[in-house]
């Protein structure tokens, strides 16, 4: 329980630091911090796991084991079009549950999910999947993460 509180407080301070520092690319900074963190975390998490046979198996691992490590729960839904586009739905995102629902708060929601976008992108990058991860928040605390695999 105490580690969860520490993680929440650290995330809040990272968001505040990045947004109060008057940088032009505040969200990019948050996403990059998440990227480097996700890259390192997945390395430790998969140390003794057999290689994944395909992209879908990798995505399932991200949505179960990786998500559980970070958020203490699995994602609520994973959808794919089988052409490199995945939608991960979290109906109660940990970082958004602390925000009151409302139009004004909805404007600030991207600040709280940019770190998670980076976490997922970093983890996938370490597993050999180059991707673009974006978040969509239509109502707090639900969030959809759109993952587009870059095939080049």
C-alpha atoms as a PDB file:
ATOM      1  CA  UNK A   1       0.000   0.000   0.000  1.00  0.00           C
ATOM      2  CA  UNK A   2       2.753   2.477   0.896  1.00  0.00           C
ATOM      3  CA  UNK A   3       4.565   1.860  -2.399  1.00  0.00           C
ATOM      4  CA  UNK A   4       1.366   2.746  -4.276  1.00  0.00           C
ATOM      5  CA  UNK A   5       1.094   6.042  -2.409  1.00  0.00           C
ATOM      6  CA  UNK A   6       4.748   6.811  -3.131  1.00  0.00           C
ATOM      7  CA  UNK A   7       4.238   6.039  -6.823  1.00  0.00           C
ATOM      8  CA  UNK A   8       1.158   8.277  -6.991  1.00  0.00           C
ATOM      9  CA  UNK A   9       2.961  11.128  -5.232  1.00  0.00           C
ATOM     10  CA  UNK A  10       6.033  10.756  -7.453  1.00  0.00           C
ATOM     11  CA  UNK A  11       3.856  10.821 -10.573  1.00  0.00           C
ATOM     12  CA  UNK A  12       2.033  13.933  -9.357  1.00  0.00           C
ATOM     13  CA  UNK A  13       5.344  15.687  -8.685  1.00  0.00           C
ATOM     14  CA  UNK A  14       6.747  14.721 -12.087  1.00  0.00           C
ATOM     15  CA  UNK A  15       3.636  16.167 -13.732  1.00  0.00           C
ATOM     16  CA  UNK A  16       3.911  19.356 -11.655  1.00  0.00           C
ATOM     17  CA  UNK A  17       7.633  19.719 -12.340  1.00  0.00           C
ATOM     18  CA  UNK A  18       7.265  19.286 -16.081  1.00  0.00           C
ATOM     19  CA  UNK A  19       4.322  21.658 -16.300  1.00  0.00           C
ATOM     20  CA  UNK A  20       5.772  24.329 -13.992  1.00  0.00           C
ATOM     21  CA  UNK A  21       9.153  24.448 -15.695  1.00  0.00           C
ATOM     22  CA  UNK A  22       7.851  26.611 -18.587  1.00  0.00           C
ATOM     23  CA  UNK A  23       9.148  24.199 -21.200  1.00  0.00           C
ATOM     24  CA  UNK A  24       7.549  24.212 -24.628  1.00  0.00           C
ATOM     25  CA  UNK A  25       7.171  20.429 -24.859  1.00  0.00           C
ATOM     26  CA  UNK A  26       5.749  19.609 -21.442  1.00  0.00           C
ATOM     27  CA  UNK A  27       3.825  16.540 -22.562  1.00  0.00           C
ATOM     28  CA  UNK A  28       6.789  15.318 -24.594  1.00  0.00           C
ATOM     29  CA  UNK A  29       8.955  15.494 -21.461  1.00  0.00           C
ATOM     30  CA  UNK A  30       6.417  13.485 -19.463  1.00  0.00           C
ATOM     31  CA  UNK A  31       6.141  10.953 -22.271  1.00  0.00           C
ATOM     32  CA  UNK A  32       9.933  10.619 -22.498  1.00  0.00           C
ATOM     33  CA  UNK A  33      10.250  10.004 -18.748  1.00  0.00           C
ATOM     34  CA  UNK A  34       7.609   7.290 -19.143  1.00  0.00           C
ATOM     35  CA  UNK A  35       9.446   5.859 -22.167  1.00  0.00           C
ATOM     36  CA  UNK A  36      12.737   5.427 -20.330  1.00  0.00           C
ATOM     37  CA  UNK A  37      10.953   3.989 -17.297  1.00  0.00           C
ATOM     38  CA  UNK A  38       8.943   1.507 -19.388  1.00  0.00           C
ATOM     39  CA  UNK A  39      12.043   0.484 -21.335  1.00  0.00           C
ATOM     40  CA  UNK A  40      13.840  -0.423 -18.105  1.00  0.00           C
ATOM     41  CA  UNK A  41      10.865  -2.008 -16.331  1.00  0.00           C
ATOM     42  CA  UNK A  42      10.021  -4.412 -19.148  1.00  0.00           C
ATOM     43  CA  UNK A  43      13.623  -5.573 -19.243  1.00  0.00           C
ATOM     44  CA  UNK A  44      13.399  -6.674 -15.620  1.00  0.00           C
ATOM     45  CA  UNK A  45       9.902  -8.097 -15.989  1.00  0.00           C
ATOM     46  CA  UNK A  46      10.754 -10.267 -19.012  1.00  0.00           C
ATOM     47  CA  UNK A  47      14.160 -11.408 -17.793  1.00  0.00           C
ATOM     48  CA  UNK A  48      12.980 -14.992 -17.300  1.00  0.00           C
ATOM     49  CA  UNK A  49      10.092 -15.038 -19.771  1.00  0.00           C
ATOM     50  CA  UNK A  50      10.354 -16.882 -23.084  1.00  0.00           C
ATOM     51  CA  UNK A  51      10.359 -14.718 -26.211  1.00  0.00           C
ATOM     52  CA  UNK A  52       6.907 -13.820 -27.477  1.00  0.00           C
ATOM     53  CA  UNK A  53       5.841 -15.636 -30.625  1.00  0.00           C
ATOM     54  CA  UNK A  54       4.074 -12.673 -32.209  1.00  0.00           C
ATOM     55  CA  UNK A  55       2.931  -9.090 -31.794  1.00  0.00           C
ATOM     56  CA  UNK A  56      -0.478 -10.002 -30.362  1.00  0.00           C
ATOM     57  CA  UNK A  57       1.088 -12.160 -27.650  1.00  0.00           C
ATOM     58  CA  UNK A  58       3.361  -9.238 -26.750  1.00  0.00           C
ATOM     59  CA  UNK A  59       0.377  -6.888 -26.512  1.00  0.00           C
ATOM     60  CA  UNK A  60      -1.470  -9.342 -24.281  1.00  0.00           C
ATOM     61  CA  UNK A  61       1.556  -9.461 -21.982  1.00  0.00           C
ATOM     62  CA  UNK A  62       1.608  -5.644 -21.807  1.00  0.00           C
ATOM     63  CA  UNK A  63      -2.112  -5.610 -20.942  1.00  0.00           C
ATOM     64  CA  UNK A  64      -1.834  -8.254 -18.236  1.00  0.00           C
ATOM     65  CA  UNK A  65       1.542  -8.633 -16.517  1.00  0.00           C
ATOM     66  CA  UNK A  66       3.026  -5.199 -17.295  1.00  0.00           C
ATOM     67  CA  UNK A  67      -0.192  -3.305 -16.515  1.00  0.00           C
ATOM     68  CA  UNK A  68      -0.642  -5.290 -13.291  1.00  0.00           C
ATOM     69  CA  UNK A  69       2.907  -4.449 -12.186  1.00  0.00           C
ATOM     70  CA  UNK A  70       2.253  -0.730 -12.588  1.00  0.00           C
ATOM     71  CA  UNK A  71      -1.451  -0.302 -11.857  1.00  0.00           C
ATOM     72  CA  UNK A  72      -2.238  -3.396  -9.738  1.00  0.00           C
ATOM     73  CA  UNK A  73      -4.924  -4.457 -12.232  1.00  0.00           C
ATOM     74  CA  UNK A  74      -5.241  -5.635 -15.811  1.00  0.00           C
ATOM     75  CA  UNK A  75      -6.666  -3.482 -18.584  1.00  0.00           C
ATOM     76  CA  UNK A  76     -10.409  -3.701 -19.064  1.00  0.00           C
ATOM     77  CA  UNK A  77     -10.335  -4.306 -22.801  1.00  0.00           C
ATOM     78  CA  UNK A  78      -7.891  -4.901 -25.660  1.00  0.00           C
ATOM     79  CA  UNK A  79      -9.042  -4.586 -29.250  1.00  0.00           C
ATOM     80  CA  UNK A  80      -7.144  -4.879 -32.508  1.00  0.00           C
ATOM     81  CA  UNK A  81      -7.831  -4.571 -36.211  1.00  0.00           C
ATOM     82  CA  UNK A  82      -5.081  -7.162 -36.873  1.00  0.00           C
ATOM     83  CA  UNK A  83      -3.203  -4.589 -38.950  1.00  0.00           C
ATOM     84  CA  UNK A  84      -1.004  -3.038 -36.296  1.00  0.00           C
ATOM     85  CA  UNK A  85      -3.615  -0.934 -34.502  1.00  0.00           C
ATOM     86  CA  UNK A  86      -4.545  -1.725 -30.897  1.00  0.00           C
ATOM     87  CA  UNK A  87      -6.897   0.006 -28.485  1.00  0.00           C
ATOM     88  CA  UNK A  88      -6.355  -0.590 -24.779  1.00  0.00           C
ATOM     89  CA  UNK A  89      -9.202   0.520 -22.541  1.00  0.00           C
ATOM     90  CA  UNK A  90      -8.772   1.261 -18.846  1.00  0.00           C
ATOM     91  CA  UNK A  91     -12.130   2.227 -17.328  1.00  0.00           C
ATOM     92  CA  UNK A  92     -10.554   3.383 -14.069  1.00  0.00           C
ATOM     93  CA  UNK A  93      -7.096   4.757 -14.816  1.00  0.00           C
ATOM     94  CA  UNK A  94      -5.098   5.124 -11.628  1.00  0.00           C
ATOM     95  CA  UNK A  95      -3.877   8.628 -12.412  1.00  0.00           C
ATOM     96  CA  UNK A  96      -7.314   9.869 -13.448  1.00  0.00           C
ATOM     97  CA  UNK A  97      -9.227   8.555 -10.443  1.00  0.00           C
ATOM     98  CA  UNK A  98      -7.832  11.405  -8.351  1.00  0.00           C
ATOM     99  CA  UNK A  99      -9.339  14.032 -10.673  1.00  0.00           C
ATOM    100  CA  UNK A 100     -12.895  15.282 -10.261  1.00  0.00           C
ATOM    101  CA  UNK A 101     -15.074  14.699 -13.320  1.00  0.00           C
ATOM    102  CA  UNK A 102     -15.863  17.855 -15.250  1.00  0.00           C
ATOM    103  CA  UNK A 103     -15.175  19.764 -18.442  1.00  0.00           C
ATOM    104  CA  UNK A 104     -12.314  21.830 -17.033  1.00  0.00           C
ATOM    105  CA  UNK A 105     -10.601  18.783 -15.537  1.00  0.00           C
ATOM    106  CA  UNK A 106     -11.059  16.927 -18.819  1.00  0.00           C
ATOM    107  CA  UNK A 107      -8.805  19.535 -20.473  1.00  0.00           C
ATOM    108  CA  UNK A 108      -6.002  18.638 -18.056  1.00  0.00           C
ATOM    109  CA  UNK A 109      -6.387  14.855 -18.414  1.00  0.00           C
ATOM    110  CA  UNK A 110      -3.666  14.470 -21.113  1.00  0.00           C
ATOM    111  CA  UNK A 111      -1.077  15.666 -18.583  1.00  0.00           C
ATOM    112  CA  UNK A 112      -1.868  12.718 -16.353  1.00  0.00           C
ATOM    113  CA  UNK A 113      -1.766  10.018 -19.037  1.00  0.00           C
ATOM    114  CA  UNK A 114       1.281  11.163 -21.043  1.00  0.00           C
ATOM    115  CA  UNK A 115       3.560   9.227 -18.671  1.00  0.00           C
ATOM    116  CA  UNK A 116       1.546   6.036 -19.303  1.00  0.00           C
ATOM    117  CA  UNK A 117       1.797   6.532 -23.073  1.00  0.00           C
ATOM    118  CA  UNK A 118       5.562   6.662 -22.649  1.00  0.00           C
ATOM    119  CA  UNK A 119       5.604   3.591 -20.386  1.00  0.00           C
ATOM    120  CA  UNK A 120       3.825   1.504 -23.003  1.00  0.00           C
ATOM    121  CA  UNK A 121       5.892   2.849 -25.912  1.00  0.00           C
ATOM    122  CA  UNK A 122       9.143   2.228 -24.011  1.00  0.00           C
ATOM    123  CA  UNK A 123       8.163  -1.305 -23.037  1.00  0.00           C
ATOM    124  CA  UNK A 124       7.169  -2.153 -26.607  1.00  0.00           C
ATOM    125  CA  UNK A 125      10.357  -0.595 -27.953  1.00  0.00           C
ATOM    126  CA  UNK A 126      12.486  -2.814 -25.728  1.00  0.00           C
ATOM    127  CA  UNK A 127      10.516  -5.821 -26.986  1.00  0.00           C
ATOM    128  CA  UNK A 128      11.294  -4.879 -30.590  1.00  0.00           C
ATOM    129  CA  UNK A 129       8.020  -3.170 -31.488  1.00  0.00           C
ATOM    130  CA  UNK A 130       8.332   0.405 -32.706  1.00  0.00           C
ATOM    131  CA  UNK A 131       5.027   2.157 -32.021  1.00  0.00           C
ATOM    132  CA  UNK A 132       3.142   5.377 -31.491  1.00  0.00           C
ATOM    133  CA  UNK A 133       0.989   5.551 -28.364  1.00  0.00           C
ATOM    134  CA  UNK A 134      -1.678   8.188 -27.826  1.00  0.00           C
ATOM    135  CA  UNK A 135      -4.355   8.560 -25.177  1.00  0.00           C
ATOM    136  CA  UNK A 136      -7.983   9.540 -25.454  1.00  0.00           C
ATOM    137  CA  UNK A 137      -9.954  10.663 -22.414  1.00  0.00           C
ATOM    138  CA  UNK A 138     -13.649  11.259 -23.048  1.00  0.00           C
ATOM    139  CA  UNK A 139     -14.832  10.877 -19.484  1.00  0.00           C
ATOM    140  CA  UNK A 140     -12.821  10.724 -16.273  1.00  0.00           C
ATOM    141  CA  UNK A 141     -11.503   8.235 -15.028  1.00  0.00           C
ATOM    142  CA  UNK A 142     -11.776   6.141 -18.222  1.00  0.00           C
ATOM    143  CA  UNK A 143      -9.001   6.254 -20.793  1.00  0.00           C
ATOM    144  CA  UNK A 144      -8.304   4.602 -24.140  1.00  0.00           C
ATOM    145  CA  UNK A 145      -4.735   4.142 -25.331  1.00  0.00           C
ATOM    146  CA  UNK A 146      -4.307   3.867 -29.093  1.00  0.00           C
ATOM    147  CA  UNK A 147      -1.211   1.924 -30.062  1.00  0.00           C
ATOM    148  CA  UNK A 148      -0.158   2.032 -33.684  1.00  0.00           C
ATOM    149  CA  UNK A 149       2.679  -0.291 -34.623  1.00  0.00           C
ATOM    150  CA  UNK A 150       5.092   1.365 -37.026  1.00  0.00           C
ATOM    151  CA  UNK A 151       6.078  -1.178 -39.650  1.00  0.00           C
ATOM    152  CA  UNK A 152       9.072   0.077 -41.578  1.00  0.00           C
END
